Amino acid sequence: VNSAAHMFGNKPYDRKIQPVENLMVSILAMGEGWHNYHHTFPWDY
Protein backbone atom coordinates (compact mmCIF):
# COMPACT_ATOMS: atom_id res chain seq x y z
CA VAL A 1 0.00 0.00 0.00
CA ASN A 2 2.94 2.31 0.71
CA SER A 3 4.90 1.37 -2.40
CA ALA A 4 2.94 -0.02 -5.37
CA ALA A 5 -0.23 1.90 -4.50
CA HIS A 6 1.78 5.12 -4.73
CA MET A 7 3.38 4.30 -8.07
CA PHE A 8 1.48 1.97 -10.41
CA GLY A 9 -2.06 2.85 -11.39
CA ASN A 10 -4.43 5.63 -12.40
CA LYS A 11 -5.77 8.70 -10.62
CA PRO A 12 -9.49 9.06 -11.32
CA TYR A 13 -10.18 11.20 -8.24
CA ASP A 14 -7.18 13.52 -7.90
CA ARG A 15 -4.55 13.67 -10.63
CA LYS A 16 -2.34 16.03 -8.60
CA ILE A 17 -1.49 13.58 -5.82
CA GLN A 18 0.79 10.57 -6.08
CA PRO A 19 -1.38 7.71 -4.67
CA VAL A 20 -3.08 5.60 -7.34
CA GLU A 21 -5.77 2.96 -7.82
CA ASN A 22 -4.14 -0.49 -7.87
CA LEU A 23 -6.27 -3.62 -8.32
CA MET A 24 -3.62 -6.15 -7.27
CA VAL A 25 -2.84 -4.31 -4.05
CA SER A 26 -6.56 -4.11 -3.32
CA ILE A 27 -6.87 -7.89 -3.66
CA LEU A 28 -3.84 -8.63 -1.48
CA ALA A 29 -4.50 -5.91 1.11
CA MET A 30 -8.23 -6.58 1.54
CA GLY A 31 -9.39 -3.41 -0.21
CA GLU A 32 -6.62 -0.96 0.68
CA GLY A 33 -5.27 -0.49 -2.85
CA TRP A 34 -7.87 2.03 -4.02
CA HIS A 35 -5.41 4.59 -2.81
CA ASN A 36 -6.13 7.60 -4.99
CA TYR A 37 -9.67 7.50 -3.66
CA HIS A 38 -8.52 6.94 -0.10
CA HIS A 39 -6.17 9.93 -0.07
CA THR A 40 -8.98 12.03 -1.57
CA PHE A 41 -11.57 10.83 0.97
CA PRO A 42 -9.52 9.45 3.90
CA TRP A 43 -12.54 9.53 6.23
CA ASP A 44 -14.61 7.10 4.11
CA TYR A 45 -14.94 3.79 6.01
All heavy atoms as atom14 arrays in JSON, in Angstrom:
{
  "sequence": "VNSAAHMFGNKPYDRKIQPVENLMVSILAMGEGWHNYHHTFPWDY",
  "atom14_mask": [
    [1, 1, 1, 1, 1, 1, 1, 0, 0, 0, 0, 0, 0, 0],
    [1, 1, 1, 1, 1, 1, 1, 1, 0, 0, 0, 0, 0, 0],
    [1, 1, 1, 1, 1, 1, 0, 0, 0, 0, 0, 0, 0, 0],
    [1, 1, 1, 1, 1, 0, 0, 0, 0, 0, 0, 0, 0, 0],
    [1, 1, 1, 1, 1, 0, 0, 0, 0, 0, 0, 0, 0, 0],
    [1, 1, 1, 1, 1, 1, 1, 1, 1, 1, 0, 0, 0, 0],
    [1, 1, 1, 1, 1, 1, 1, 1, 0, 0, 0, 0, 0, 0],
    [1, 1, 1, 1, 1, 1, 1, 1, 1, 1, 1, 0, 0, 0],
    [1, 1, 1, 1, 0, 0, 0, 0, 0, 0, 0, 0, 0, 0],
    [1, 1, 1, 1, 1, 1, 1, 1, 0, 0, 0, 0, 0, 0],
    [1, 1, 1, 1, 1, 1, 1, 1, 1, 0, 0, 0, 0, 0],
    [1, 1, 1, 1, 1, 1, 1, 0, 0, 0, 0, 0, 0, 0],
    [1, 1, 1, 1, 1, 1, 1, 1, 1, 1, 1, 1, 0, 0],
    [1, 1, 1, 1, 1, 1, 1, 1, 0, 0, 0, 0, 0, 0],
    [1, 1, 1, 1, 1, 1, 1, 1, 1, 1, 1, 0, 0, 0],
    [1, 1, 1, 1, 1, 1, 1, 1, 1, 0, 0, 0, 0, 0],
    [1, 1, 1, 1, 1, 1, 1, 1, 0, 0, 0, 0, 0, 0],
    [1, 1, 1, 1, 1, 1, 1, 1, 1, 0, 0, 0, 0, 0],
    [1, 1, 1, 1, 1, 1, 1, 0, 0, 0, 0, 0, 0, 0],
    [1, 1, 1, 1, 1, 1, 1, 0, 0, 0, 0, 0, 0, 0],
    [1, 1, 1, 1, 1, 1, 1, 1, 1, 0, 0, 0, 0, 0],
    [1, 1, 1, 1, 1, 1, 1, 1, 0, 0, 0, 0, 0, 0],
    [1, 1, 1, 1, 1, 1, 1, 1, 0, 0, 0, 0, 0, 0],
    [1, 1, 1, 1, 1, 1, 1, 1, 0, 0, 0, 0, 0, 0],
    [1, 1, 1, 1, 1, 1, 1, 0, 0, 0, 0, 0, 0, 0],
    [1, 1, 1, 1, 1, 1, 0, 0, 0, 0, 0, 0, 0, 0],
    [1, 1, 1, 1, 1, 1, 1, 1, 0, 0, 0, 0, 0, 0],
    [1, 1, 1, 1, 1, 1, 1, 1, 0, 0, 0, 0, 0, 0],
    [1, 1, 1, 1, 1, 0, 0, 0, 0, 0, 0, 0, 0, 0],
    [1, 1, 1, 1, 1, 1, 1, 1, 0, 0, 0, 0, 0, 0],
    [1, 1, 1, 1, 0, 0, 0, 0, 0, 0, 0, 0, 0, 0],
    [1, 1, 1, 1, 1, 1, 1, 1, 1, 0, 0, 0, 0, 0],
    [1, 1, 1, 1, 0, 0, 0, 0, 0, 0, 0, 0, 0, 0],
    [1, 1, 1, 1, 1, 1, 1, 1, 1, 1, 1, 1, 1, 1],
    [1, 1, 1, 1, 1, 1, 1, 1, 1, 1, 0, 0, 0, 0],
    [1, 1, 1, 1, 1, 1, 1, 1, 0, 0, 0, 0, 0, 0],
    [1, 1, 1, 1, 1, 1, 1, 1, 1, 1, 1, 1, 0, 0],
    [1, 1, 1, 1, 1, 1, 1, 1, 1, 1, 0, 0, 0, 0],
    [1, 1, 1, 1, 1, 1, 1, 1, 1, 1, 0, 0, 0, 0],
    [1, 1, 1, 1, 1, 1, 1, 0, 0, 0, 0, 0, 0, 0],
    [1, 1, 1, 1, 1, 1, 1, 1, 1, 1, 1, 0, 0, 0],
    [1, 1, 1, 1, 1, 1, 1, 0, 0, 0, 0, 0, 0, 0],
    [1, 1, 1, 1, 1, 1, 1, 1, 1, 1, 1, 1, 1, 1],
    [1, 1, 1, 1, 1, 1, 1, 1, 0, 0, 0, 0, 0, 0],
    [1, 1, 1, 1, 1, 1, 1, 1, 1, 1, 1, 1, 0, 0]
  ],
  "atom14_positions": [
    [[0.84, -1.19, 0.0], [0.0, 0.0, 0.0], [0.88, 1.25, 0.0], [0.53, 2.27, -0.61], [-0.95, 0.0, 1.21], [-1.82, 1.25, 1.21], [-1.82, -1.25, 1.22], [0.0, 0.0, 0.0], [0.0, 0.0, 0.0], [0.0, 0.0, 0.0], [0.0, 0.0, 0.0], [0.0, 0.0, 0.0], [0.0, 0.0, 0.0], [0.0, 0.0, 0.0]],
    [[2.03, 1.17, 0.66], [2.94, 2.31, 0.71], [3.79, 2.45, -0.54], [4.25, 3.55, -0.86], [3.89, 2.17, 1.91], [3.16, 2.1, 3.24], [2.08, 2.66, 3.38], [3.74, 1.38, 4.2], [0.0, 0.0, 0.0], [0.0, 0.0, 0.0], [0.0, 0.0, 0.0], [0.0, 0.0, 0.0], [0.0, 0.0, 0.0], [0.0, 0.0, 0.0]],
    [[4.01, 1.35, -1.24], [4.9, 1.37, -2.4], [4.13, 1.31, -3.71], [3.95, 2.33, -4.38], [5.89, 0.2, -2.32], [5.21, -1.05, -2.19], [0.0, 0.0, 0.0], [0.0, 0.0, 0.0], [0.0, 0.0, 0.0], [0.0, 0.0, 0.0], [0.0, 0.0, 0.0], [0.0, 0.0, 0.0], [0.0, 0.0, 0.0], [0.0, 0.0, 0.0]],
    [[3.62, 0.15, -4.08], [2.94, -0.02, -5.37], [1.73, 0.89, -5.52], [1.47, 1.43, -6.6], [2.53, -1.48, -5.55], [0.0, 0.0, 0.0], [0.0, 0.0, 0.0], [0.0, 0.0, 0.0], [0.0, 0.0, 0.0], [0.0, 0.0, 0.0], [0.0, 0.0, 0.0], [0.0, 0.0, 0.0], [0.0, 0.0, 0.0], [0.0, 0.0, 0.0]],
    [[0.98, 1.07, -4.43], [-0.23, 1.9, -4.5], [0.09, 3.39, -4.52], [-0.83, 4.22, -4.53], [-1.17, 1.59, -3.33], [0.0, 0.0, 0.0], [0.0, 0.0, 0.0], [0.0, 0.0, 0.0], [0.0, 0.0, 0.0], [0.0, 0.0, 0.0], [0.0, 0.0, 0.0], [0.0, 0.0, 0.0], [0.0, 0.0, 0.0], [0.0, 0.0, 0.0]],
    [[1.37, 3.73, -4.54], [1.78, 5.12, -4.73], [2.52, 5.3, -6.05], [3.03, 6.39, -6.33], [2.68, 5.58, -3.57], [1.92, 6.02, -2.37], [1.78, 7.34, -2.01], [1.24, 5.31, -1.43], [1.05, 7.42, -0.9], [0.72, 6.2, -0.53], [0.0, 0.0, 0.0], [0.0, 0.0, 0.0], [0.0, 0.0, 0.0], [0.0, 0.0, 0.0]],
    [[2.56, 4.22, -6.87], [3.38, 4.3, -8.07], [2.71, 3.76, -9.33], [2.9, 4.32, -10.4], [4.7, 3.53, -7.85], [5.57, 4.11, -6.77], [7.13, 3.2, -6.59], [7.92, 4.15, -5.32], [0.0, 0.0, 0.0], [0.0, 0.0, 0.0], [0.0, 0.0, 0.0], [0.0, 0.0, 0.0], [0.0, 0.0, 0.0], [0.0, 0.0, 0.0]],
    [[1.95, 2.68, -9.22], [1.48, 1.97, -10.41], [-0.04, 1.93, -10.46], [-0.67, 1.13, -9.78], [2.04, 0.54, -10.43], [3.52, 0.47, -10.18], [4.02, -0.17, -9.05], [4.42, 1.06, -11.05], [5.37, -0.24, -8.81], [5.78, 1.0, -10.82], [6.27, 0.35, -9.7], [0.0, 0.0, 0.0], [0.0, 0.0, 0.0], [0.0, 0.0, 0.0]],
    [[-0.62, 2.81, -11.26], [-2.06, 2.85, -11.39], [-2.55, 4.2, -11.9], [-1.76, 5.04, -12.33], [0.0, 0.0, 0.0], [0.0, 0.0, 0.0], [0.0, 0.0, 0.0], [0.0, 0.0, 0.0], [0.0, 0.0, 0.0], [0.0, 0.0, 0.0], [0.0, 0.0, 0.0], [0.0, 0.0, 0.0], [0.0, 0.0, 0.0], [0.0, 0.0, 0.0]],
    [[-3.85, 4.39, -11.89], [-4.43, 5.63, -12.4], [-4.93, 6.51, -11.25], [-4.92, 6.1, -10.09], [-5.57, 5.32, -13.38], [-6.66, 4.48, -12.72], [-6.4, 3.7, -11.81], [-7.89, 4.65, -13.18], [0.0, 0.0, 0.0], [0.0, 0.0, 0.0], [0.0, 0.0, 0.0], [0.0, 0.0, 0.0], [0.0, 0.0, 0.0], [0.0, 0.0, 0.0]],
    [[-5.36, 7.72, -11.63], [-5.77, 8.7, -10.62], [-7.12, 9.32, -11.0], [-7.19, 10.5, -11.35], [-4.69, 9.79, -10.5], [-3.31, 9.26, -10.16], [-2.28, 10.38, -10.13], [-0.89, 9.86, -9.83], [0.13, 10.94, -9.77], [0.0, 0.0, 0.0], [0.0, 0.0, 0.0], [0.0, 0.0, 0.0], [0.0, 0.0, 0.0], [0.0, 0.0, 0.0]],
    [[-8.18, 8.56, -10.89], [-9.49, 9.06, -11.32], [-10.09, 10.12, -10.41], [-11.02, 10.83, -10.82], [-10.35, 7.8, -11.33], [-9.69, 6.87, -10.37], [-8.23, 7.16, -10.47], [0.0, 0.0, 0.0], [0.0, 0.0, 0.0], [0.0, 0.0, 0.0], [0.0, 0.0, 0.0], [0.0, 0.0, 0.0], [0.0, 0.0, 0.0], [0.0, 0.0, 0.0]],
    [[-9.57, 10.27, -9.19], [-10.18, 11.2, -8.24], [-9.35, 12.47, -8.05], [-9.91, 13.54, -7.88], [-10.41, 10.51, -6.9], [-11.27, 9.28, -7.05], [-10.69, 8.01, -7.15], [-12.65, 9.38, -7.12], [-11.48, 6.89, -7.33], [-13.45, 8.26, -7.3], [-12.86, 7.01, -7.41], [-13.64, 5.9, -7.6], [0.0, 0.0, 0.0], [0.0, 0.0, 0.0]],
    [[-8.04, 12.34, -8.05], [-7.18, 13.52, -7.9], [-5.87, 13.26, -8.64], [-5.01, 12.52, -8.17], [-6.92, 13.81, -6.42], [-6.25, 15.17, -6.21], [-5.72, 15.73, -7.19], [-6.26, 15.65, -5.06], [0.0, 0.0, 0.0], [0.0, 0.0, 0.0], [0.0, 0.0, 0.0], [0.0, 0.0, 0.0], [0.0, 0.0, 0.0], [0.0, 0.0, 0.0]],
    [[-5.73, 13.88, -9.79], [-4.55, 13.67, -10.63], [-3.31, 14.36, -10.09], [-2.19, 14.09, -10.54], [-4.83, 14.17, -12.05], [-5.1, 15.67, -12.14], [-5.47, 16.1, -13.55], [-5.76, 17.53, -13.62], [-6.94, 18.07, -13.34], [-7.94, 17.29, -12.97], [-7.13, 19.39, -13.44], [0.0, 0.0, 0.0], [0.0, 0.0, 0.0], [0.0, 0.0, 0.0]],
    [[-3.47, 15.26, -9.11], [-2.34, 16.03, -8.6], [-1.63, 15.38, -7.43], [-0.61, 15.88, -6.97], [-2.82, 17.43, -8.2], [-3.33, 18.26, -9.38], [-3.75, 19.66, -8.95], [-4.25, 20.47, -10.14], [-4.68, 21.84, -9.73], [0.0, 0.0, 0.0], [0.0, 0.0, 0.0], [0.0, 0.0, 0.0], [0.0, 0.0, 0.0], [0.0, 0.0, 0.0]],
    [[-2.15, 14.28, -6.92], [-1.49, 13.58, -5.82], [-0.86, 12.29, -6.34], [-1.2, 11.81, -7.43], [-2.47, 13.26, -4.67], [-3.61, 12.36, -5.14], [-3.01, 14.56, -4.07], [-4.56, 11.94, -4.03], [0.0, 0.0, 0.0], [0.0, 0.0, 0.0], [0.0, 0.0, 0.0], [0.0, 0.0, 0.0], [0.0, 0.0, 0.0], [0.0, 0.0, 0.0]],
    [[0.05, 11.72, -5.6], [0.79, 10.57, -6.08], [0.08, 9.22, -5.89], [0.26, 8.32, -6.7], [2.18, 10.52, -5.41], [3.15, 9.59, -6.1], [4.59, 9.98, -5.85], [4.91, 11.16, -5.78], [5.46, 9.01, -5.72], [0.0, 0.0, 0.0], [0.0, 0.0, 0.0], [0.0, 0.0, 0.0], [0.0, 0.0, 0.0], [0.0, 0.0, 0.0]],
    [[-0.71, 9.0, -4.84], [-1.38, 7.71, -4.67], [-2.27, 7.37, -5.86], [-2.85, 8.25, -6.49], [-2.22, 7.93, -3.4], [-1.52, 9.01, -2.66], [-0.97, 9.92, -3.72], [0.0, 0.0, 0.0], [0.0, 0.0, 0.0], [0.0, 0.0, 0.0], [0.0, 0.0, 0.0], [0.0, 0.0, 0.0], [0.0, 0.0, 0.0], [0.0, 0.0, 0.0]],
    [[-2.37, 6.08, -6.16], [-3.08, 5.6, -7.34], [-4.06, 4.48, -6.98], [-4.05, 3.96, -5.87], [-2.08, 5.08, -8.4], [-1.16, 6.19, -8.87], [-1.26, 3.91, -7.84], [0.0, 0.0, 0.0], [0.0, 0.0, 0.0], [0.0, 0.0, 0.0], [0.0, 0.0, 0.0], [0.0, 0.0, 0.0], [0.0, 0.0, 0.0], [0.0, 0.0, 0.0]],
    [[-4.88, 4.11, -7.95], [-5.77, 2.96, -7.82], [-5.03, 1.72, -8.32], [-4.57, 1.7, -9.47], [-7.04, 3.17, -8.64], [-7.8, 4.44, -8.32], [-8.57, 4.36, -7.01], [-9.66, 3.77, -7.01], [-8.05, 4.9, -6.02], [0.0, 0.0, 0.0], [0.0, 0.0, 0.0], [0.0, 0.0, 0.0], [0.0, 0.0, 0.0], [0.0, 0.0, 0.0]],
    [[-4.9, 0.7, -7.49], [-4.14, -0.49, -7.87], [-4.94, -1.74, -7.51], [-5.12, -2.05, -6.33], [-2.78, -0.49, -7.18], [-1.86, -1.57, -7.7], [-2.14, -2.76, -7.57], [-0.74, -1.18, -8.27], [0.0, 0.0, 0.0], [0.0, 0.0, 0.0], [0.0, 0.0, 0.0], [0.0, 0.0, 0.0], [0.0, 0.0, 0.0], [0.0, 0.0, 0.0]],
    [[-5.42, -2.46, -8.52], [-6.27, -3.62, -8.32], [-5.56, -4.73, -7.55], [-6.12, -5.31, -6.61], [-6.75, -4.16, -9.67], [-7.52, -5.48, -9.64], [-8.8, -5.34, -8.82], [-7.83, -5.95, -11.06], [0.0, 0.0, 0.0], [0.0, 0.0, 0.0], [0.0, 0.0, 0.0], [0.0, 0.0, 0.0], [0.0, 0.0, 0.0], [0.0, 0.0, 0.0]],
    [[-4.33, -5.05, -7.91], [-3.62, -6.15, -7.27], [-3.4, -5.87, -5.79], [-3.57, -6.77, -4.94], [-2.27, -6.4, -7.97], [-1.52, -7.62, -7.43], [-2.5, -9.15, -7.49], [-2.72, -9.33, -9.26], [0.0, 0.0, 0.0], [0.0, 0.0, 0.0], [0.0, 0.0, 0.0], [0.0, 0.0, 0.0], [0.0, 0.0, 0.0], [0.0, 0.0, 0.0]],
    [[-3.02, -4.65, -5.46], [-2.84, -4.31, -4.05], [-4.16, -4.42, -3.31], [-4.21, -4.88, -2.17], [-2.25, -2.89, -3.9], [-2.16, -2.49, -2.43], [-0.86, -2.82, -4.54], [0.0, 0.0, 0.0], [0.0, 0.0, 0.0], [0.0, 0.0, 0.0], [0.0, 0.0, 0.0], [0.0, 0.0, 0.0], [0.0, 0.0, 0.0], [0.0, 0.0, 0.0]],
    [[-5.25, -4.02, -3.95], [-6.56, -4.11, -3.32], [-6.93, -5.55, -3.0], [-7.51, -5.85, -1.95], [-7.63, -3.49, -4.22], [-7.42, -2.11, -4.37], [0.0, 0.0, 0.0], [0.0, 0.0, 0.0], [0.0, 0.0, 0.0], [0.0, 0.0, 0.0], [0.0, 0.0, 0.0], [0.0, 0.0, 0.0], [0.0, 0.0, 0.0], [0.0, 0.0, 0.0]],
    [[-6.59, -6.47, -3.89], [-6.87, -7.89, -3.66], [-6.03, -8.4, -2.49], [-6.54, -9.06, -1.58], [-6.58, -8.7, -4.93], [-7.57, -8.32, -6.03], [-6.67, -10.21, -4.63], [-7.25, -8.92, -7.38], [0.0, 0.0, 0.0], [0.0, 0.0, 0.0], [0.0, 0.0, 0.0], [0.0, 0.0, 0.0], [0.0, 0.0, 0.0], [0.0, 0.0, 0.0]],
    [[-4.75, -8.11, -2.5], [-3.84, -8.63, -1.48], [-4.04, -7.95, -0.13], [-3.89, -8.6, 0.92], [-2.39, -8.45, -1.93], [-1.97, -9.25, -3.17], [-0.55, -8.87, -3.6], [-2.06, -10.74, -2.91], [0.0, 0.0, 0.0], [0.0, 0.0, 0.0], [0.0, 0.0, 0.0], [0.0, 0.0, 0.0], [0.0, 0.0, 0.0], [0.0, 0.0, 0.0]],
    [[-4.39, -6.67, -0.13], [-4.5, -5.91, 1.11], [-5.96, -5.69, 1.53], [-6.26, -4.73, 2.24], [-3.78, -4.57, 0.98], [0.0, 0.0, 0.0], [0.0, 0.0, 0.0], [0.0, 0.0, 0.0], [0.0, 0.0, 0.0], [0.0, 0.0, 0.0], [0.0, 0.0, 0.0], [0.0, 0.0, 0.0], [0.0, 0.0, 0.0], [0.0, 0.0, 0.0]],
    [[-6.84, -6.56, 1.09], [-8.23, -6.58, 1.54], [-8.96, -5.25, 1.31], [-9.72, -4.79, 2.14], [-8.3, -6.98, 3.03], [-7.72, -8.34, 3.32], [-7.74, -8.77, 5.08], [-9.51, -8.91, 5.4], [0.0, 0.0, 0.0], [0.0, 0.0, 0.0], [0.0, 0.0, 0.0], [0.0, 0.0, 0.0], [0.0, 0.0, 0.0], [0.0, 0.0, 0.0]],
    [[-8.67, -4.61, 0.16], [-9.39, -3.41, -0.21], [-8.66, -2.11, 0.02], [-9.23, -1.03, -0.16], [0.0, 0.0, 0.0], [0.0, 0.0, 0.0], [0.0, 0.0, 0.0], [0.0, 0.0, 0.0], [0.0, 0.0, 0.0], [0.0, 0.0, 0.0], [0.0, 0.0, 0.0], [0.0, 0.0, 0.0], [0.0, 0.0, 0.0], [0.0, 0.0, 0.0]],
    [[-7.38, -2.18, 0.36], [-6.62, -0.96, 0.68], [-5.88, -0.37, -0.51], [-5.17, 0.62, -0.35], [-5.63, -1.25, 1.8], [-6.26, -1.68, 3.11], [-7.07, -0.6, 3.78], [-6.5, 0.17, 4.57], [-8.28, -0.51, 3.52], [0.0, 0.0, 0.0], [0.0, 0.0, 0.0], [0.0, 0.0, 0.0], [0.0, 0.0, 0.0], [0.0, 0.0, 0.0]],
    [[-6.03, -0.96, -1.69], [-5.27, -0.49, -2.85], [-5.95, 0.59, -3.66], [-5.37, 1.09, -4.62], [0.0, 0.0, 0.0], [0.0, 0.0, 0.0], [0.0, 0.0, 0.0], [0.0, 0.0, 0.0], [0.0, 0.0, 0.0], [0.0, 0.0, 0.0], [0.0, 0.0, 0.0], [0.0, 0.0, 0.0], [0.0, 0.0, 0.0], [0.0, 0.0, 0.0]],
    [[-7.19, 0.93, -3.3], [-7.87, 2.03, -4.02], [-7.39, 3.34, -3.39], [-8.13, 4.07, -2.74], [-9.37, 1.86, -3.9], [-9.84, 0.5, -4.35], [-10.46, -0.43, -3.6], [-9.68, -0.07, -5.66], [-10.71, -1.57, -4.35], [-10.23, -1.37, -5.62], [-9.11, 0.38, -6.85], [-10.24, -2.21, -6.72], [-9.11, -0.46, -7.96], [-9.68, -1.73, -7.89]],
    [[-6.12, 3.62, -3.64], [-5.41, 4.59, -2.81], [-5.59, 6.03, -3.27], [-5.49, 6.95, -2.46], [-3.93, 4.22, -2.77], [-3.31, 4.41, -1.42], [-3.91, 4.0, -0.26], [-2.15, 5.0, -1.04], [-3.15, 4.3, 0.77], [-2.08, 4.93, 0.32], [0.0, 0.0, 0.0], [0.0, 0.0, 0.0], [0.0, 0.0, 0.0], [0.0, 0.0, 0.0]],
    [[-5.84, 6.24, -4.55], [-6.13, 7.6, -4.99], [-7.44, 8.08, -4.37], [-7.54, 9.23, -3.92], [-6.21, 7.65, -6.52], [-6.3, 9.07, -7.06], [-7.35, 9.5, -7.53], [-5.19, 9.8, -7.0], [0.0, 0.0, 0.0], [0.0, 0.0, 0.0], [0.0, 0.0, 0.0], [0.0, 0.0, 0.0], [0.0, 0.0, 0.0], [0.0, 0.0, 0.0]],
    [[-8.4, 7.18, -4.32], [-9.67, 7.5, -3.66], [-9.45, 7.73, -2.17], [-9.97, 8.7, -1.6], [-10.68, 6.36, -3.86], [-12.01, 6.62, -3.17], [-13.05, 7.24, -3.86], [-12.22, 6.26, -1.84], [-14.27, 7.49, -3.23], [-13.42, 6.52, -1.2], [-14.45, 7.13, -1.91], [-15.64, 7.39, -1.28], [0.0, 0.0, 0.0], [0.0, 0.0, 0.0]],
    [[-8.69, 6.85, -1.54], [-8.52, 6.94, -0.1], [-7.84, 8.24, 0.31], [-8.22, 8.87, 1.31], [-7.71, 5.75, 0.42], [-7.36, 5.87, 1.86], [-8.31, 5.96, 2.86], [-6.15, 5.94, 2.51], [-7.72, 6.06, 4.04], [-6.41, 6.06, 3.85], [0.0, 0.0, 0.0], [0.0, 0.0, 0.0], [0.0, 0.0, 0.0], [0.0, 0.0, 0.0]],
    [[-6.84, 8.68, -0.43], [-6.17, 9.93, -0.07], [-7.05, 11.14, -0.4], [-6.82, 12.22, 0.14], [-4.82, 10.04, -0.79], [-3.69, 9.43, -0.02], [-2.76, 10.18, 0.67], [-3.36, 8.14, 0.2], [-1.89, 9.37, 1.27], [-2.23, 8.13, 0.99], [0.0, 0.0, 0.0], [0.0, 0.0, 0.0], [0.0, 0.0, 0.0], [0.0, 0.0, 0.0]],
    [[-8.04, 10.95, -1.27], [-8.98, 12.03, -1.57], [-10.08, 12.1, -0.51], [-10.49, 13.18, -0.09], [-9.62, 11.81, -2.95], [-8.58, 11.67, -3.94], [-10.51, 12.99, -3.33], [0.0, 0.0, 0.0], [0.0, 0.0, 0.0], [0.0, 0.0, 0.0], [0.0, 0.0, 0.0], [0.0, 0.0, 0.0], [0.0, 0.0, 0.0], [0.0, 0.0, 0.0]],
    [[-10.53, 10.92, -0.06], [-11.57, 10.83, 0.97], [-11.09, 9.91, 2.09], [-11.59, 8.8, 2.26], [-12.87, 10.28, 0.39], [-13.43, 11.07, -0.78], [-13.28, 10.62, -2.07], [-14.09, 12.27, -0.55], [-13.79, 11.33, -3.14], [-14.62, 13.0, -1.61], [-14.47, 12.54, -2.92], [0.0, 0.0, 0.0], [0.0, 0.0, 0.0], [0.0, 0.0, 0.0]],
    [[-10.11, 10.33, 2.89], [-9.52, 9.45, 3.9], [-10.48, 9.06, 5.01], [-10.25, 8.08, 5.72], [-8.35, 10.26, 4.45], [-8.7, 11.68, 4.16], [-9.44, 11.65, 2.87], [0.0, 0.0, 0.0], [0.0, 0.0, 0.0], [0.0, 0.0, 0.0], [0.0, 0.0, 0.0], [0.0, 0.0, 0.0], [0.0, 0.0, 0.0], [0.0, 0.0, 0.0]],
    [[-11.58, 9.79, 5.15], [-12.54, 9.53, 6.23], [-13.65, 8.56, 5.81], [-14.54, 8.24, 6.61], [-13.17, 10.84, 6.69], [-13.52, 11.77, 5.56], [-12.72, 12.74, 5.01], [-14.75, 11.81, 4.84], [-13.38, 13.39, 4.0], [-14.62, 12.83, 3.86], [-15.94, 11.1, 4.9], [-15.65, 13.15, 2.97], [-16.96, 11.41, 4.02], [-16.81, 12.42, 3.07]],
    [[-13.61, 8.06, 4.57], [-14.61, 7.1, 4.11], [-14.28, 5.71, 4.67], [-13.18, 5.2, 4.44], [-14.62, 7.05, 2.58], [-15.76, 6.2, 2.03], [-16.35, 5.4, 2.79], [-16.04, 6.33, 0.82], [0.0, 0.0, 0.0], [0.0, 0.0, 0.0], [0.0, 0.0, 0.0], [0.0, 0.0, 0.0], [0.0, 0.0, 0.0], [0.0, 0.0, 0.0]],
    [[-15.21, 5.08, 5.37], [-14.94, 3.79, 6.01], [-14.67, 2.69, 4.99], [-14.06, 1.68, 5.31], [-16.12, 3.39, 6.9], [-17.24, 2.67, 6.19], [-17.37, 1.28, 6.24], [-18.19, 3.38, 5.43], [-18.39, 0.62, 5.58], [-19.2, 2.73, 4.78], [-19.3, 1.34, 4.85], [-20.32, 0.69, 4.18], [0.0, 0.0, 0.0], [0.0, 0.0, 0.0]]
  ]
}
